[in-house]
Amino acid sequence: MSTVNFSVPEEVKRAFDKTFKGQNKSAIIADLMREAVERAERKRRQRKAIARILERRQHAPSVSNEQLRAAREDGRP
């Protein structure tokens, strides 16, 4: 197990201590760090997915408004 030292504003420390009084604060910090890593990974995957969509969109055939309107009309009963 590793030890991590970091500084936080005093008001954050007080609020954390009050909120998690009587609980294993090391475990809570470890869970929060895991969540932060997962959130960062999710954001990275989202950015990559958006980049892939935008790249594919550049190569997609363009459709005029008239073609879209006609396709909508053809699809209606």
C-alpha atoms as a PDB file:
ATOM      1  CA  MET A   1       0.000   0.000   0.000  1.00  0.00           C
ATOM      2  CA  SER A   2       1.262   3.484  -0.844  1.00  0.00           C
ATOM      3  CA  THR A   3       1.116   6.663   1.169  1.00  0.00           C
ATOM      4  CA  VAL A   4      -0.024   9.868  -0.505  1.00  0.00           C
ATOM      5  CA  ASN A   5       0.478  13.321   0.985  1.00  0.00           C
ATOM      6  CA  PHE A   6      -1.259  16.366  -0.411  1.00  0.00           C
ATOM      7  CA  SER A   7      -2.529  19.713   0.799  1.00  0.00           C
ATOM      8  CA  VAL A   8      -6.146  20.817   0.763  1.00  0.00           C
ATOM      9  CA  PRO A   9      -7.805  24.018   1.922  1.00  0.00           C
ATOM     10  CA  GLU A  10      -8.581  23.934   5.649  1.00  0.00           C
ATOM     11  CA  GLU A  11     -12.333  24.367   5.079  1.00  0.00           C
ATOM     12  CA  VAL A  12     -12.348  21.299   2.798  1.00  0.00           C
ATOM     13  CA  LYS A  13     -10.535  19.248   5.452  1.00  0.00           C
ATOM     14  CA  ARG A  14     -12.977  20.354   8.157  1.00  0.00           C
ATOM     15  CA  ALA A  15     -15.992  19.548   5.977  1.00  0.00           C
ATOM     16  CA  PHE A  16     -14.514  16.160   5.031  1.00  0.00           C
ATOM     17  CA  ASP A  17     -13.756  15.291   8.660  1.00  0.00           C
ATOM     18  CA  LYS A  18     -17.255  16.338   9.749  1.00  0.00           C
ATOM     19  CA  THR A  19     -18.982  14.474   6.919  1.00  0.00           C
ATOM     20  CA  PHE A  20     -17.022  11.253   7.344  1.00  0.00           C
ATOM     21  CA  LYS A  21     -16.599  11.298  11.131  1.00  0.00           C
ATOM     22  CA  GLY A  22     -16.036   7.802  12.523  1.00  0.00           C
ATOM     23  CA  GLN A  23     -15.360   6.291   9.088  1.00  0.00           C
ATOM     24  CA  ASN A  24     -12.160   4.949   7.555  1.00  0.00           C
ATOM     25  CA  LYS A  25     -10.979   8.106   5.822  1.00  0.00           C
ATOM     26  CA  SER A  26      -8.173   6.303   3.971  1.00  0.00           C
ATOM     27  CA  ALA A  27     -10.723   3.981   2.371  1.00  0.00           C
ATOM     28  CA  ILE A  28     -12.948   6.933   1.476  1.00  0.00           C
ATOM     29  CA  ILE A  29     -10.024   8.784  -0.142  1.00  0.00           C
ATOM     30  CA  ALA A  30      -9.057   5.634  -2.058  1.00  0.00           C
ATOM     31  CA  ASP A  31     -12.651   5.283  -3.339  1.00  0.00           C
ATOM     32  CA  LEU A  32     -12.742   8.947  -4.346  1.00  0.00           C
ATOM     33  CA  MET A  33      -9.447   8.548  -6.188  1.00  0.00           C
ATOM     34  CA  ARG A  34     -10.802   5.465  -8.021  1.00  0.00           C
ATOM     35  CA  GLU A  35     -13.912   7.417  -9.002  1.00  0.00           C
ATOM     36  CA  ALA A  36     -11.768  10.300 -10.276  1.00  0.00           C
ATOM     37  CA  VAL A  37      -9.673   7.907 -12.386  1.00  0.00           C
ATOM     38  CA  GLU A  38     -12.821   6.266 -13.798  1.00  0.00           C
ATOM     39  CA  ARG A  39     -14.338   9.684 -14.563  1.00  0.00           C
ATOM     40  CA  ALA A  40     -11.166  10.817 -16.347  1.00  0.00           C
ATOM     41  CA  GLU A  41     -11.072   7.581 -18.382  1.00  0.00           C
ATOM     42  CA  ARG A  42     -14.754   7.982 -19.304  1.00  0.00           C
ATOM     43  CA  LYS A  43     -14.103  11.556 -20.466  1.00  0.00           C
ATOM     44  CA  ARG A  44     -11.124  10.371 -22.517  1.00  0.00           C
ATOM     45  CA  ARG A  45     -13.249   7.668 -24.192  1.00  0.00           C
ATOM     46  CA  GLN A  46     -16.014  10.197 -24.871  1.00  0.00           C
ATOM     47  CA  ARG A  47     -13.563  12.614 -26.496  1.00  0.00           C
ATOM     48  CA  LYS A  48     -12.186   9.814 -28.677  1.00  0.00           C
ATOM     49  CA  ALA A  49     -15.703   8.708 -29.663  1.00  0.00           C
ATOM     50  CA  ILE A  50     -16.679  12.265 -30.579  1.00  0.00           C
ATOM     51  CA  ALA A  51     -13.497  12.658 -32.624  1.00  0.00           C
ATOM     52  CA  ARG A  52     -14.292   9.408 -34.501  1.00  0.00           C
ATOM     53  CA  ILE A  53     -17.873  10.554 -35.170  1.00  0.00           C
ATOM     54  CA  LEU A  54     -16.695  13.931 -36.457  1.00  0.00           C
ATOM     55  CA  GLU A  55     -14.077  12.248 -38.649  1.00  0.00           C
ATOM     56  CA  ARG A  56     -16.662   9.888 -40.171  1.00  0.00           C
ATOM     57  CA  ARG A  57     -19.070  12.768 -40.647  1.00  0.00           C
ATOM     58  CA  GLN A  58     -16.548  14.525 -42.888  1.00  0.00           C
ATOM     59  CA  HIS A  59     -16.681  11.562 -45.269  1.00  0.00           C
ATOM     60  CA  ALA A  60     -20.444  11.013 -45.149  1.00  0.00           C
ATOM     61  CA  PRO A  61     -22.403  11.906 -48.263  1.00  0.00           C
ATOM     62  CA  SER A  62     -24.250  15.181 -47.976  1.00  0.00           C
ATOM     63  CA  VAL A  63     -28.021  15.235 -48.312  1.00  0.00           C
ATOM     64  CA  SER A  64     -30.026  18.290 -49.314  1.00  0.00           C
ATOM     65  CA  ASN A  65     -33.031  19.580 -47.411  1.00  0.00           C
ATOM     66  CA  GLU A  66     -35.230  18.506 -50.303  1.00  0.00           C
ATOM     67  CA  GLN A  67     -33.870  14.950 -50.127  1.00  0.00           C
ATOM     68  CA  LEU A  68     -34.470  14.825 -46.381  1.00  0.00           C
ATOM     69  CA  ARG A  69     -38.012  16.132 -46.794  1.00  0.00           C
ATOM     70  CA  ALA A  70     -38.729  13.574 -49.517  1.00  0.00           C
ATOM     71  CA  ALA A  71     -37.363  10.743 -47.371  1.00  0.00           C
ATOM     72  CA  ARG A  72     -39.580  11.823 -44.480  1.00  0.00           C
ATOM     73  CA  GLU A  73     -42.610  11.967 -46.730  1.00  0.00           C
ATOM     74  CA  ASP A  74     -41.847   8.550 -48.241  1.00  0.00           C
ATOM     75  CA  GLY A  75     -41.580   7.046 -44.767  1.00  0.00           C
ATOM     76  CA  ARG A  76     -44.989   8.261 -43.623  1.00  0.00           C
ATOM     77  CA  PRO A  77     -48.052   6.041 -43.972  1.00  0.00           C
END
